[in-house]
């Protein structure tokens, strides 16, 4: 994978996180919880309509965590665009460590909350970031080896 392709993939991955975070916040702000109701029901299998976004603490935590996700992915977008693009080693470390930290803490919390099915979703989201980083790194190392 070329550096340009890896950068584009990371921007797309961050964009998807921005969209999902915005959906979380907007579901509370607009009082239209259908997308979050489906996501909660899916995470707490089976799909039976038993889980739903409720008023009060659940809505608050949805808005807060959606806002955190939105901000985190905006930061990831900016790191990708301004740092990773010019310095893939530094940018890759920042992105990789940050998303791995999110993955471990979010997945552990999901399991503790009985939402084990969130771990595969987290794994897919993490792969959106780590695959381009890993593929670009191996390509850069091969290019450096052949030039030496």
Protein backbone atom coordinates (compact mmCIF):
# COMPACT_ATOMS: atom_id res chain seq x y z
CA UNK A 1 0.00 0.00 0.00
CA UNK A 2 1.43 3.36 -0.94
CA UNK A 3 1.72 6.16 1.57
CA UNK A 4 -0.89 8.15 -0.33
CA UNK A 5 -3.33 5.22 -0.23
CA UNK A 6 -2.67 4.62 3.48
CA UNK A 7 -3.24 8.31 4.22
CA UNK A 8 -6.50 8.25 2.26
CA UNK A 9 -7.63 5.08 4.08
CA UNK A 10 -6.93 6.69 7.46
CA UNK A 11 -8.88 9.80 6.49
CA UNK A 12 -11.83 7.60 5.46
CA UNK A 13 -11.60 5.65 8.74
CA UNK A 14 -11.60 8.87 10.75
CA UNK A 15 -14.46 10.18 8.64
CA UNK A 16 -16.53 7.10 9.50
CA UNK A 17 -15.88 7.71 13.21
CA UNK A 18 -16.86 11.35 12.80
CA UNK A 19 -20.15 10.31 11.18
CA UNK A 20 -20.96 7.71 13.86
CA UNK A 21 -20.10 10.12 16.69
CA UNK A 22 -22.31 12.77 15.10
CA UNK A 23 -25.18 10.26 14.78
CA UNK A 24 -24.86 9.49 18.48
CA UNK A 25 -24.99 13.16 19.48
CA UNK A 26 -27.74 14.04 17.01
CA UNK A 27 -29.91 11.12 18.14
CA UNK A 28 -30.07 12.79 21.56
CA UNK A 29 -30.24 16.40 20.37
CA UNK A 30 -33.01 15.73 17.85
CA UNK A 31 -34.88 13.21 20.00
CA UNK A 32 -34.67 10.69 17.16
CA UNK A 33 -33.10 7.59 18.72
CA UNK A 34 -33.91 5.00 16.01
CA UNK A 35 -30.30 4.58 14.75
CA UNK A 36 -28.98 4.23 18.30
CA UNK A 37 -31.80 1.89 19.29
CA UNK A 38 -30.78 -0.44 16.46
CA UNK A 39 -27.08 -0.19 17.40
CA UNK A 40 -27.81 -0.94 21.07
CA UNK A 41 -30.06 -3.85 20.17
CA UNK A 42 -27.40 -5.26 17.84
CA UNK A 43 -24.64 -4.93 20.44
CA UNK A 44 -26.81 -6.70 23.03
CA UNK A 45 -27.86 -9.62 20.82
CA UNK A 46 -30.37 -10.99 20.00
CA UNK A 47 -32.11 -8.42 17.81
CA UNK A 48 -35.32 -8.29 19.81
CA UNK A 49 -36.01 -4.59 20.31
CA UNK A 50 -35.38 -4.90 24.05
CA UNK A 51 -32.60 -2.31 24.19
CA UNK A 52 -33.31 1.31 23.48
CA UNK A 53 -31.97 4.75 24.17
CA UNK A 54 -33.80 6.14 27.17
CA UNK A 55 -34.01 9.58 28.69
CA UNK A 56 -31.73 10.61 31.51
CA UNK A 57 -28.39 8.94 32.19
CA UNK A 58 -28.40 6.75 29.06
CA UNK A 59 -29.03 9.73 26.79
CA UNK A 60 -26.41 11.76 28.63
CA UNK A 61 -23.77 9.05 28.24
CA UNK A 62 -24.70 8.58 24.57
CA UNK A 63 -24.28 12.30 23.90
CA UNK A 64 -21.02 12.48 25.87
CA UNK A 65 -19.48 9.37 24.33
CA UNK A 66 -20.65 10.44 20.87
CA UNK A 67 -19.02 13.81 21.43
CA UNK A 68 -15.81 12.16 22.59
CA UNK A 69 -15.80 9.89 19.53
CA UNK A 70 -16.49 12.84 17.26
CA UNK A 71 -13.66 14.88 18.81
CA UNK A 72 -11.25 11.92 18.87
CA UNK A 73 -11.80 11.20 15.19
CA UNK A 74 -11.52 14.89 14.25
CA UNK A 75 -8.17 14.84 16.06
CA UNK A 76 -7.25 11.64 14.20
CA UNK A 77 -8.17 13.33 10.92
CA UNK A 78 -5.94 16.31 11.75
CA UNK A 79 -3.04 14.08 12.88
CA UNK A 80 -3.37 12.08 9.66
CA UNK A 81 -3.57 15.18 7.48
CA UNK A 82 -0.88 17.30 9.16
CA UNK A 83 1.53 14.83 10.78
CA UNK A 84 1.18 11.34 9.28
CA UNK A 85 1.22 12.67 5.74
CA UNK A 86 4.67 14.27 6.32
CA UNK A 87 6.09 12.01 9.03
CA UNK A 88 4.50 8.55 8.82
CA UNK A 89 6.61 7.18 11.65
CA UNK A 90 5.54 9.81 14.22
CA UNK A 91 1.97 10.08 12.93
CA UNK A 92 1.62 6.31 12.84
CA UNK A 93 2.75 5.98 16.45
CA UNK A 94 0.30 8.65 17.60
CA UNK A 95 -2.61 7.10 15.69
CA UNK A 96 -1.73 3.49 16.50
CA UNK A 97 -1.22 3.96 20.25
CA UNK A 98 -4.30 6.16 20.57
CA UNK A 99 -6.64 3.78 18.78
CA UNK A 100 -5.20 0.70 20.49
CA UNK A 101 -5.76 2.39 23.88
CA UNK A 102 -9.36 3.13 22.89
CA UNK A 103 -9.81 -0.47 21.69
CA UNK A 104 -8.59 -2.14 24.89
CA UNK A 105 -10.54 0.13 27.25
CA UNK A 106 -13.75 0.16 25.19
CA UNK A 107 -13.70 -3.60 24.63
CA UNK A 108 -13.01 -4.38 28.30
CA UNK A 109 -15.82 -2.05 29.36
CA UNK A 110 -18.17 -3.59 26.81
CA UNK A 111 -17.49 -7.09 28.12
CA UNK A 112 -17.96 -5.93 31.71
CA UNK A 113 -21.30 -4.34 30.73
CA UNK A 114 -22.49 -7.56 29.10
CA UNK A 115 -22.19 -6.17 25.56
CA UNK A 116 -19.59 -8.66 24.33
CA UNK A 117 -20.79 -8.31 20.73
CA UNK A 118 -19.34 -4.78 20.69
CA UNK A 119 -15.83 -6.30 20.66
CA UNK A 120 -16.11 -7.58 17.05
CA UNK A 121 -17.40 -4.13 16.02
CA UNK A 122 -14.50 -2.51 17.83
CA UNK A 123 -12.13 -4.94 16.09
CA UNK A 124 -13.45 -3.96 12.67
CA UNK A 125 -13.14 -0.27 13.50
CA UNK A 126 -9.61 -0.77 14.84
CA UNK A 127 -8.67 -2.62 11.65
CA UNK A 128 -9.70 0.45 9.62
CA UNK A 129 -6.74 2.21 11.25
CA UNK A 130 -4.15 -0.47 11.91
CA UNK A 131 -4.28 -2.16 8.49
CA UNK A 132 -3.25 0.97 6.53
CA UNK A 133 -0.59 1.77 9.15
CA UNK A 134 0.84 -1.76 9.02
CA UNK A 135 0.69 -2.08 5.24
CA UNK A 136 2.28 1.31 4.67
CA UNK A 137 4.99 0.55 7.25
CA UNK A 138 5.90 -2.76 5.60
CA UNK A 139 5.96 -1.09 2.17
CA UNK A 140 8.23 1.70 3.46
CA UNK A 141 10.55 -0.87 5.10
CA UNK A 142 10.76 -2.92 1.88
CA UNK A 143 11.52 0.21 -0.14
CA UNK A 144 14.22 1.26 2.33
CA UNK A 145 15.75 -2.23 2.20
CA UNK A 146 15.87 -2.34 -1.61
CA UNK A 147 17.42 1.15 -1.76
CA UNK A 148 20.20 0.21 0.70
